[in-house]
């Protein structure tokens, strides 16, 4: 229970606070969950997904992944060849 405040509408001071309140007791508190969950764990959910659904999309996902890797590799290789050409041209 929070402390109660006593205010006066005409006053410009902070409200008075009643400090004579009683706190709640924690006699039977054990620090554990009050109720155990009956739902599936994350491990069970992911196992169900990989057992049933992931096999259907594997080929299309692998094709998209390969395309992304190839698309990203082309500018990286072109940049490396430009750096090598620049190093050949500059006198050291």
PDB file of N, CA and C in Angstrom:
ATOM      1  N   UNK A   1       0.835  -1.165   0.000  1.00  0.00           N
ATOM      2  CA  UNK A   1       0.000   0.000   0.000  1.00  0.00           C
ATOM      3  C   UNK A   1       0.886   1.236   0.000  1.00  0.00           C
ATOM      4  N   UNK A   2       0.613   2.191  -0.850  1.00  0.00           N
ATOM      5  CA  UNK A   2       1.418   3.392  -0.956  1.00  0.00           C
ATOM      6  C   UNK A   2       0.997   4.401   0.111  1.00  0.00           C
ATOM      7  N   UNK A   3       1.883   5.338   0.464  1.00  0.00           N
ATOM      8  CA  UNK A   3       1.503   6.361   1.416  1.00  0.00           C
ATOM      9  C   UNK A   3       0.436   7.282   0.842  1.00  0.00           C
ATOM     10  N   UNK A   4      -0.460   7.728   1.689  1.00  0.00           N
ATOM     11  CA  UNK A   4      -1.517   8.635   1.238  1.00  0.00           C
ATOM     12  C   UNK A   4      -1.035  10.067   1.383  1.00  0.00           C
ATOM     13  N   UNK A   5      -1.465  10.916   0.495  1.00  0.00           N
ATOM     14  CA  UNK A   5      -1.065  12.320   0.534  1.00  0.00           C
ATOM     15  C   UNK A   5      -2.251  13.178   0.933  1.00  0.00           C
ATOM     16  N   UNK A   6      -1.950  14.215   1.692  1.00  0.00           N
ATOM     17  CA  UNK A   6      -2.974  15.169   2.102  1.00  0.00           C
ATOM     18  C   UNK A   6      -2.600  16.495   1.466  1.00  0.00           C
ATOM     19  N   UNK A   7      -3.470  17.025   0.606  1.00  0.00           N
ATOM     20  CA  UNK A   7      -3.150  18.258  -0.097  1.00  0.00           C
ATOM     21  C   UNK A   7      -4.174  19.331   0.232  1.00  0.00           C
ATOM     22  N   UNK A   8      -3.741  20.534   0.128  1.00  0.00           N
ATOM     23  CA  UNK A   8      -4.601  21.691   0.296  1.00  0.00           C
ATOM     24  C   UNK A   8      -4.617  22.419  -1.035  1.00  0.00           C
ATOM     25  N   UNK A   9      -5.785  22.692  -1.581  1.00  0.00           N
ATOM     26  CA  UNK A   9      -5.876  23.289  -2.920  1.00  0.00           C
ATOM     27  C   UNK A   9      -5.306  24.692  -2.973  1.00  0.00           C
ATOM     28  N   UNK A  10      -5.382  25.429  -1.857  1.00  0.00           N
ATOM     29  CA  UNK A  10      -4.907  26.808  -1.860  1.00  0.00           C
ATOM     30  C   UNK A  10      -3.410  26.922  -1.577  1.00  0.00           C
ATOM     31  N   UNK A  11      -2.788  25.881  -1.091  1.00  0.00           N
ATOM     32  CA  UNK A  11      -1.374  25.948  -0.718  1.00  0.00           C
ATOM     33  C   UNK A  11      -0.489  25.676  -1.929  1.00  0.00           C
ATOM     34  N   UNK A  12       0.693  26.291  -1.920  1.00  0.00           N
ATOM     35  CA  UNK A  12       1.656  26.078  -2.993  1.00  0.00           C
ATOM     36  C   UNK A  12       2.814  25.197  -2.529  1.00  0.00           C
ATOM     37  N   UNK A  13       2.706  24.564  -1.387  1.00  0.00           N
ATOM     38  CA  UNK A  13       3.754  23.688  -0.863  1.00  0.00           C
ATOM     39  C   UNK A  13       3.553  22.270  -1.369  1.00  0.00           C
ATOM     40  N   UNK A  14       4.576  21.453  -1.140  1.00  0.00           N
ATOM     41  CA  UNK A  14       4.458  20.054  -1.485  1.00  0.00           C
ATOM     42  C   UNK A  14       3.420  19.398  -0.592  1.00  0.00           C
ATOM     43  N   UNK A  15       2.762  18.350  -1.046  1.00  0.00           N
ATOM     44  CA  UNK A  15       1.739  17.698  -0.218  1.00  0.00           C
ATOM     45  C   UNK A  15       2.362  17.008   0.998  1.00  0.00           C
ATOM     46  N   UNK A  16       1.582  16.920   2.063  1.00  0.00           N
ATOM     47  CA  UNK A  16       2.018  16.200   3.252  1.00  0.00           C
ATOM     48  C   UNK A  16       1.853  14.706   2.991  1.00  0.00           C
ATOM     49  N   UNK A  17       2.791  13.918   3.494  1.00  0.00           N
ATOM     50  CA  UNK A  17       2.757  12.481   3.263  1.00  0.00           C
ATOM     51  C   UNK A  17       2.542  11.776   4.594  1.00  0.00           C
ATOM     52  N   UNK A  18       1.605  10.848   4.618  1.00  0.00           N
ATOM     53  CA  UNK A  18       1.345  10.048   5.809  1.00  0.00           C
ATOM     54  C   UNK A  18       2.310   8.862   5.816  1.00  0.00           C
ATOM     55  N   UNK A  19       3.275   8.864   6.716  1.00  0.00           N
ATOM     56  CA  UNK A  19       4.283   7.815   6.764  1.00  0.00           C
ATOM     57  C   UNK A  19       3.908   6.671   7.688  1.00  0.00           C
ATOM     58  N   UNK A  20       2.697   6.608   8.176  1.00  0.00           N
ATOM     59  CA  UNK A  20       2.271   5.561   9.093  1.00  0.00           C
ATOM     60  C   UNK A  20       1.488   4.491   8.348  1.00  0.00           C
ATOM     61  N   UNK A  21       2.010   3.988   7.288  1.00  0.00           N
ATOM     62  CA  UNK A  21       1.359   2.919   6.538  1.00  0.00           C
ATOM     63  C   UNK A  21       2.049   1.599   6.855  1.00  0.00           C
ATOM     64  N   UNK A  22       1.388   0.528   6.577  1.00  0.00           N
ATOM     65  CA  UNK A  22       1.943  -0.796   6.860  1.00  0.00           C
ATOM     66  C   UNK A  22       2.351  -1.451   5.546  1.00  0.00           C
ATOM     67  N   UNK A  23       3.539  -1.999   5.556  1.00  0.00           N
ATOM     68  CA  UNK A  23       4.011  -2.686   4.354  1.00  0.00           C
ATOM     69  C   UNK A  23       3.474  -4.110   4.339  1.00  0.00           C
ATOM     70  N   UNK A  24       3.479  -4.696   3.179  1.00  0.00           N
ATOM     71  CA  UNK A  24       3.023  -6.082   3.079  1.00  0.00           C
ATOM     72  C   UNK A  24       4.122  -7.016   3.567  1.00  0.00           C
ATOM     73  N   UNK A  25       3.726  -8.133   4.124  1.00  0.00           N
ATOM     74  CA  UNK A  25       4.700  -9.102   4.631  1.00  0.00           C
ATOM     75  C   UNK A  25       4.963 -10.171   3.584  1.00  0.00           C
ATOM     76  N   UNK A  26       6.153 -10.715   3.618  1.00  0.00           N
ATOM     77  CA  UNK A  26       6.556 -11.749   2.668  1.00  0.00           C
ATOM     78  C   UNK A  26       6.907 -13.020   3.433  1.00  0.00           C
ATOM     79  N   UNK A  27       6.009 -13.487   4.278  1.00  0.00           N
ATOM     80  CA  UNK A  27       6.296 -14.644   5.117  1.00  0.00           C
ATOM     81  C   UNK A  27       6.443 -15.924   4.309  1.00  0.00           C
ATOM     82  N   UNK A  28       5.576 -16.158   3.342  1.00  0.00           N
ATOM     83  CA  UNK A  28       5.589 -17.410   2.582  1.00  0.00           C
ATOM     84  C   UNK A  28       6.297 -17.280   1.240  1.00  0.00           C
ATOM     85  N   UNK A  29       7.068 -16.247   1.065  1.00  0.00           N
ATOM     86  CA  UNK A  29       7.757 -16.025  -0.205  1.00  0.00           C
ATOM     87  C   UNK A  29       8.959 -16.953  -0.302  1.00  0.00           C
ATOM     88  N   UNK A  30       9.050 -17.715  -1.407  1.00  0.00           N
ATOM     89  CA  UNK A  30      10.153 -18.647  -1.600  1.00  0.00           C
ATOM     90  C   UNK A  30      11.102 -18.225  -2.712  1.00  0.00           C
ATOM     91  N   UNK A  31      10.725 -17.275  -3.544  1.00  0.00           N
ATOM     92  CA  UNK A  31      11.582 -16.840  -4.635  1.00  0.00           C
ATOM     93  C   UNK A  31      11.410 -17.652  -5.901  1.00  0.00           C
ATOM     94  N   UNK A  32      10.504 -18.595  -5.910  1.00  0.00           N
ATOM     95  CA  UNK A  32      10.268 -19.414  -7.095  1.00  0.00           C
ATOM     96  C   UNK A  32       9.022 -18.933  -7.819  1.00  0.00           C
ATOM     97  N   UNK A  33       8.810 -19.458  -9.008  1.00  0.00           N
ATOM     98  CA  UNK A  33       7.629 -19.110  -9.783  1.00  0.00           C
ATOM     99  C   UNK A  33       6.380 -19.606  -9.066  1.00  0.00           C
ATOM    100  N   UNK A  34       5.327 -18.848  -9.166  1.00  0.00           N
ATOM    101  CA  UNK A  34       4.086 -19.228  -8.512  1.00  0.00           C
ATOM    102  C   UNK A  34       3.422 -20.393  -9.228  1.00  0.00           C
ATOM    103  N   UNK A  35       3.577 -20.451 -10.549  1.00  0.00           N
ATOM    104  CA  UNK A  35       2.931 -21.497 -11.330  1.00  0.00           C
ATOM    105  C   UNK A  35       3.917 -21.997 -12.378  1.00  0.00           C
ATOM    106  N   UNK A  36       4.002 -23.290 -12.517  1.00  0.00           N
ATOM    107  CA  UNK A  36       4.885 -23.824 -13.549  1.00  0.00           C
ATOM    108  C   UNK A  36       4.162 -23.787 -14.887  1.00  0.00           C
ATOM    109  N   UNK A  37       4.920 -23.544 -15.914  1.00  0.00           N
ATOM    110  CA  UNK A  37       4.349 -23.417 -17.249  1.00  0.00           C
ATOM    111  C   UNK A  37       4.084 -24.792 -17.845  1.00  0.00           C
ATOM    112  N   UNK A  38       2.949 -24.938 -18.502  1.00  0.00           N
ATOM    113  CA  UNK A  38       2.626 -26.192 -19.170  1.00  0.00           C
ATOM    114  C   UNK A  38       2.886 -26.113 -20.671  1.00  0.00           C
ATOM    115  N   UNK A  39       3.369 -24.965 -21.137  1.00  0.00           N
ATOM    116  CA  UNK A  39       3.627 -24.822 -22.565  1.00  0.00           C
ATOM    117  C   UNK A  39       4.960 -25.468 -22.926  1.00  0.00           C
ATOM    118  N   UNK A  40       5.199 -25.599 -24.216  1.00  0.00           N
ATOM    119  CA  UNK A  40       6.418 -26.223 -24.710  1.00  0.00           C
ATOM    120  C   UNK A  40       7.617 -25.304 -24.490  1.00  0.00           C
ATOM    121  N   UNK A  41       8.764 -25.906 -24.348  1.00  0.00           N
ATOM    122  CA  UNK A  41       9.985 -25.128 -24.232  1.00  0.00           C
ATOM    123  C   UNK A  41      10.435 -24.688 -25.620  1.00  0.00           C
ATOM    124  N   UNK A  42      11.367 -23.764 -25.650  1.00  0.00           N
ATOM    125  CA  UNK A  42      11.884 -23.277 -26.929  1.00  0.00           C
ATOM    126  C   UNK A  42      12.575 -24.397 -27.691  1.00  0.00           C
ATOM    127  N   UNK A  43      13.211 -25.289 -26.960  1.00  0.00           N
ATOM    128  CA  UNK A  43      13.876 -26.423 -27.608  1.00  0.00           C
ATOM    129  C   UNK A  43      12.866 -27.323 -28.311  1.00  0.00           C
ATOM    130  N   UNK A  44      11.721 -27.586 -27.662  1.00  0.00           N
ATOM    131  CA  UNK A  44      10.693 -28.424 -28.283  1.00  0.00           C
ATOM    132  C   UNK A  44      10.087 -27.753 -29.509  1.00  0.00           C
ATOM    133  N   UNK A  45       9.869 -26.448 -29.423  1.00  0.00           N
ATOM    134  CA  UNK A  45       9.299 -25.712 -30.556  1.00  0.00           C
ATOM    135  C   UNK A  45      10.261 -25.749 -31.745  1.00  0.00           C
ATOM    136  N   UNK A  46      11.551 -25.511 -31.495  1.00  0.00           N
ATOM    137  CA  UNK A  46      12.506 -25.516 -32.609  1.00  0.00           C
ATOM    138  C   UNK A  46      12.691 -26.923 -33.171  1.00  0.00           C
ATOM    139  N   UNK A  47      12.639 -27.934 -32.319  1.00  0.00           N
ATOM    140  CA  UNK A  47      12.755 -29.310 -32.805  1.00  0.00           C
ATOM    141  C   UNK A  47      11.578 -29.655 -33.716  1.00  0.00           C
ATOM    142  N   UNK A  48      10.364 -29.245 -33.321  1.00  0.00           N
ATOM    143  CA  UNK A  48       9.190 -29.484 -34.167  1.00  0.00           C
ATOM    144  C   UNK A  48       9.331 -28.777 -35.508  1.00  0.00           C
ATOM    145  N   UNK A  49       9.847 -27.547 -35.479  1.00  0.00           N
ATOM    146  CA  UNK A  49      10.006 -26.798 -36.728  1.00  0.00           C
ATOM    147  C   UNK A  49      10.998 -27.500 -37.656  1.00  0.00           C
ATOM    148  N   UNK A  50      12.163 -27.867 -37.125  1.00  0.00           N
ATOM    149  CA  UNK A  50      13.179 -28.480 -37.975  1.00  0.00           C
ATOM    150  C   UNK A  50      12.792 -29.884 -38.425  1.00  0.00           C
ATOM    151  N   UNK A  51      11.955 -30.564 -37.669  1.00  0.00           N
ATOM    152  CA  UNK A  51      11.506 -31.894 -38.085  1.00  0.00           C
ATOM    153  C   UNK A  51      10.502 -31.830 -39.226  1.00  0.00           C
ATOM    154  N   UNK A  52       9.618 -30.856 -39.215  1.00  0.00           N
ATOM    155  CA  UNK A  52       8.502 -30.827 -40.165  1.00  0.00           C
ATOM    156  C   UNK A  52       8.669 -29.813 -41.283  1.00  0.00           C
ATOM    157  N   UNK A  53       8.931 -28.567 -40.944  1.00  0.00           N
ATOM    158  CA  UNK A  53       8.794 -27.497 -41.924  1.00  0.00           C
ATOM    159  C   UNK A  53      10.076 -27.118 -42.635  1.00  0.00           C
ATOM    160  N   UNK A  54      11.218 -27.300 -42.014  1.00  0.00           N
ATOM    161  CA  UNK A  54      12.447 -26.798 -42.623  1.00  0.00           C
ATOM    162  C   UNK A  54      12.852 -27.583 -43.864  1.00  0.00           C
ATOM    163  N   UNK A  55      12.504 -28.845 -43.958  1.00  0.00           N
ATOM    164  CA  UNK A  55      12.905 -29.651 -45.113  1.00  0.00           C
ATOM    165  C   UNK A  55      12.224 -29.200 -46.397  1.00  0.00           C
ATOM    166  N   UNK A  56      11.043 -28.628 -46.309  1.00  0.00           N
ATOM    167  CA  UNK A  56      10.318 -28.203 -47.504  1.00  0.00           C
ATOM    168  C   UNK A  56      10.974 -26.993 -48.170  1.00  0.00           C
ATOM    169  N   UNK A  57      11.553 -26.126 -47.388  1.00  0.00           N
ATOM    170  CA  UNK A  57      12.098 -24.889 -47.928  1.00  0.00           C
ATOM    171  C   UNK A  57      13.612 -24.906 -48.087  1.00  0.00           C
ATOM    172  N   UNK A  58      14.258 -26.021 -47.845  1.00  0.00           N
ATOM    173  CA  UNK A  58      15.718 -26.037 -47.834  1.00  0.00           C
ATOM    174  C   UNK A  58      16.308 -25.708 -49.204  1.00  0.00           C
ATOM    175  N   UNK A  59      15.792 -26.300 -50.264  1.00  0.00           N
ATOM    176  CA  UNK A  59      16.374 -26.066 -51.593  1.00  0.00           C
ATOM    177  C   UNK A  59      16.205 -24.627 -52.041  1.00  0.00           C
ATOM    178  N   UNK A  60      15.046 -24.057 -51.819  1.00  0.00           N
ATOM    179  CA  UNK A  60      14.850 -22.663 -52.231  1.00  0.00           C
ATOM    180  C   UNK A  60      15.689 -21.718 -51.373  1.00  0.00           C
ATOM    181  N   UNK A  61      15.801 -22.009 -50.066  1.00  0.00           N
ATOM    182  CA  UNK A  61      16.641 -21.175 -49.205  1.00  0.00           C
ATOM    183  C   UNK A  61      18.108 -21.291 -49.589  1.00  0.00           C
ATOM    184  N   UNK A  62      18.553 -22.487 -49.938  1.00  0.00           N
ATOM    185  CA  UNK A  62      19.947 -22.679 -50.353  1.00  0.00           C
ATOM    186  C   UNK A  62      20.227 -21.948 -51.655  1.00  0.00           C
ATOM    187  N   UNK A  63      19.276 -21.946 -52.581  1.00  0.00           N
ATOM    188  CA  UNK A  63      19.457 -21.232 -53.849  1.00  0.00           C
ATOM    189  C   UNK A  63      19.541 -19.727 -53.633  1.00  0.00           C
ATOM    190  N   UNK A  64      18.678 -19.202 -52.772  1.00  0.00           N
ATOM    191  CA  UNK A  64      18.714 -17.760 -52.478  1.00  0.00           C
ATOM    192  C   UNK A  64      20.019 -17.403 -51.777  1.00  0.00           C
ATOM    193  N   UNK A  65      20.460 -18.230 -50.839  1.00  0.00           N
ATOM    194  CA  UNK A  65      21.717 -17.973 -50.129  1.00  0.00           C
ATOM    195  C   UNK A  65      22.904 -17.987 -51.099  1.00  0.00           C
ATOM    196  N   UNK A  66      22.941 -18.956 -51.998  1.00  0.00           N
ATOM    197  CA  UNK A  66      24.023 -19.019 -52.983  1.00  0.00           C
ATOM    198  C   UNK A  66      24.037 -17.804 -53.900  1.00  0.00           C
ATOM    199  N   UNK A  67      22.860 -17.361 -54.294  1.00  0.00           N
ATOM    200  CA  UNK A  67      22.767 -16.164 -55.142  1.00  0.00           C
ATOM    201  C   UNK A  67      23.269 -14.928 -54.402  1.00  0.00           C
ATOM    202  N   UNK A  68      22.915 -14.801 -53.133  1.00  0.00           N
ATOM    203  CA  UNK A  68      23.388 -13.658 -52.347  1.00  0.00           C
ATOM    204  C   UNK A  68      24.906 -13.680 -52.179  1.00  0.00           C
ATOM    205  N   UNK A  69      25.458 -14.851 -51.928  1.00  0.00           N
ATOM    206  CA  UNK A  69      26.912 -14.961 -51.773  1.00  0.00           C
ATOM    207  C   UNK A  69      27.612 -14.606 -53.075  1.00  0.00           C
ATOM    208  N   UNK A  70      27.106 -15.099 -54.189  1.00  0.00           N
ATOM    209  CA  UNK A  70      27.720 -14.787 -55.490  1.00  0.00           C
ATOM    210  C   UNK A  70      27.600 -13.301 -55.804  1.00  0.00           C
ATOM    211  N   UNK A  71      26.463 -12.716 -55.508  1.00  0.00           N
ATOM    212  CA  UNK A  71      26.260 -11.288 -55.764  1.00  0.00           C
ATOM    213  C   UNK A  71      27.202 -10.449 -54.904  1.00  0.00           C
ATOM    214  N   UNK A  72      27.419 -10.855 -53.660  1.00  0.00           N
ATOM    215  CA  UNK A  72      28.312 -10.103 -52.783  1.00  0.00           C
ATOM    216  C   UNK A  72      29.775 -10.338 -53.139  1.00  0.00           C
ATOM    217  N   UNK A  73      30.110 -11.487 -53.684  1.00  0.00           N
ATOM    218  CA  UNK A  73      31.503 -11.804 -53.988  1.00  0.00           C
ATOM    219  C   UNK A  73      32.025 -11.037 -55.189  1.00  0.00           C
ATOM    220  N   UNK A  74      31.173 -10.734 -56.147  1.00  0.00           N
ATOM    221  CA  UNK A  74      31.623 -10.055 -57.373  1.00  0.00           C
ATOM    222  C   UNK A  74      32.232  -8.682 -57.076  1.00  0.00           C
ATOM    223  N   UNK A  75      31.572  -7.780 -56.317  1.00  0.00           N
ATOM    224  CA  UNK A  75      32.207  -6.483 -56.049  1.00  0.00           C
ATOM    225  C   UNK A  75      33.434  -6.594 -55.137  1.00  0.00           C
ATOM    226  N   UNK A  76      33.462  -7.576 -54.262  1.00  0.00           N
ATOM    227  CA  UNK A  76      34.630  -7.740 -53.398  1.00  0.00           C
ATOM    228  C   UNK A  76      35.842  -8.148 -54.223  1.00  0.00           C
ATOM    229  N   UNK A  77      35.652  -9.060 -55.129  1.00  0.00           N
ATOM    230  CA  UNK A  77      36.757  -9.491 -56.002  1.00  0.00           C
ATOM    231  C   UNK A  77      37.198  -8.350 -56.915  1.00  0.00           C
ATOM    232  N   UNK A  78      36.246  -7.583 -57.433  1.00  0.00           N
ATOM    233  CA  UNK A  78      36.595  -6.433 -58.283  1.00  0.00           C
ATOM    234  C   UNK A  78      37.369  -5.389 -57.483  1.00  0.00           C
ATOM    235  N   UNK A  79      36.988  -5.161 -56.241  1.00  0.00           N
ATOM    236  CA  UNK A  79      37.714  -4.207 -55.393  1.00  0.00           C
ATOM    237  C   UNK A  79      39.118  -4.678 -55.078  1.00  0.00           C
ATOM    238  N   UNK A  80      39.270  -5.969 -54.807  1.00  0.00           N
ATOM    239  CA  UNK A  80      40.608  -6.503 -54.546  1.00  0.00           C
ATOM    240  C   UNK A  80      41.508  -6.400 -55.774  1.00  0.00           C
ATOM    241  N   UNK A  81      40.947  -6.658 -56.946  1.00  0.00           N
ATOM    242  CA  UNK A  81      41.778  -6.541 -58.157  1.00  0.00           C
ATOM    243  C   UNK A  81      42.147  -5.079 -58.412  1.00  0.00           C
ATOM    244  N   UNK A  82      41.281  -4.149 -58.070  1.00  0.00           N
ATOM    245  CA  UNK A  82      41.612  -2.726 -58.232  1.00  0.00           C
ATOM    246  C   UNK A  82      42.718  -2.322 -57.264  1.00  0.00           C
ATOM    247  N   UNK A  83      42.675  -2.838 -56.027  1.00  0.00           N
ATOM    248  CA  UNK A  83      43.730  -2.534 -55.060  1.00  0.00           C
ATOM    249  C   UNK A  83      45.060  -3.121 -55.523  1.00  0.00           C
ATOM    250  N   UNK A  84      45.044  -4.324 -56.046  1.00  0.00           N
ATOM    251  CA  UNK A  84      46.279  -4.941 -56.559  1.00  0.00           C
ATOM    252  C   UNK A  84      46.822  -4.146 -57.732  1.00  0.00           C
ATOM    253  N   UNK A  85      45.975  -3.714 -58.620  1.00  0.00           N
ATOM    254  CA  UNK A  85      46.413  -2.880 -59.770  1.00  0.00           C
ATOM    255  C   UNK A  85      46.977  -1.552 -59.288  1.00  0.00           C
ATOM    256  N   UNK A  86      46.368  -0.948 -58.264  1.00  0.00           N
ATOM    257  CA  UNK A  86      46.863   0.324 -57.724  1.00  0.00           C
ATOM    258  C   UNK A  86      48.230   0.121 -57.100  1.00  0.00           C
ATOM    259  N   UNK A  87      48.409  -0.965 -56.404  1.00  0.00           N
ATOM    260  CA  UNK A  87      49.729  -1.235 -55.794  1.00  0.00           C
ATOM    261  C   UNK A  87      50.809  -1.469 -56.842  1.00  0.00           C
ATOM    262  N   UNK A  88      50.425  -2.043 -57.991  1.00  0.00           N
ATOM    263  CA  UNK A  88      51.397  -2.234 -59.075  1.00  0.00           C
ATOM    264  C   UNK A  88      51.813  -0.917 -59.713  1.00  0.00           C
ATOM    265  N   UNK A  89      50.883   0.011 -59.804  1.00  0.00           N
ATOM    266  CA  UNK A  89      51.151   1.286 -60.490  1.00  0.00           C
ATOM    267  C   UNK A  89      51.944   2.234 -59.612  1.00  0.00           C
ATOM    268  N   UNK A  90      51.668   2.243 -58.301  1.00  0.00           N
ATOM    269  CA  UNK A  90      52.371   3.182 -57.414  1.00  0.00           C
ATOM    270  C   UNK A  90      53.818   2.737 -57.212  1.00  0.00           C
ATOM    271  N   UNK A  91      54.736   3.715 -57.245  1.00  0.00           N
ATOM    272  CA  UNK A  91      56.144   3.367 -57.030  1.00  0.00           C
ATOM    273  C   UNK A  91      56.422   3.225 -55.518  1.00  0.00           C
ATOM    274  N   UNK A  92      57.038   2.117 -55.141  1.00  0.00           N
ATOM    275  CA  UNK A  92      57.439   1.925 -53.745  1.00  0.00           C
ATOM    276  C   UNK A  92      58.916   1.862 -53.627  1.00  0.00           C
TER     277      UNK A  92
END
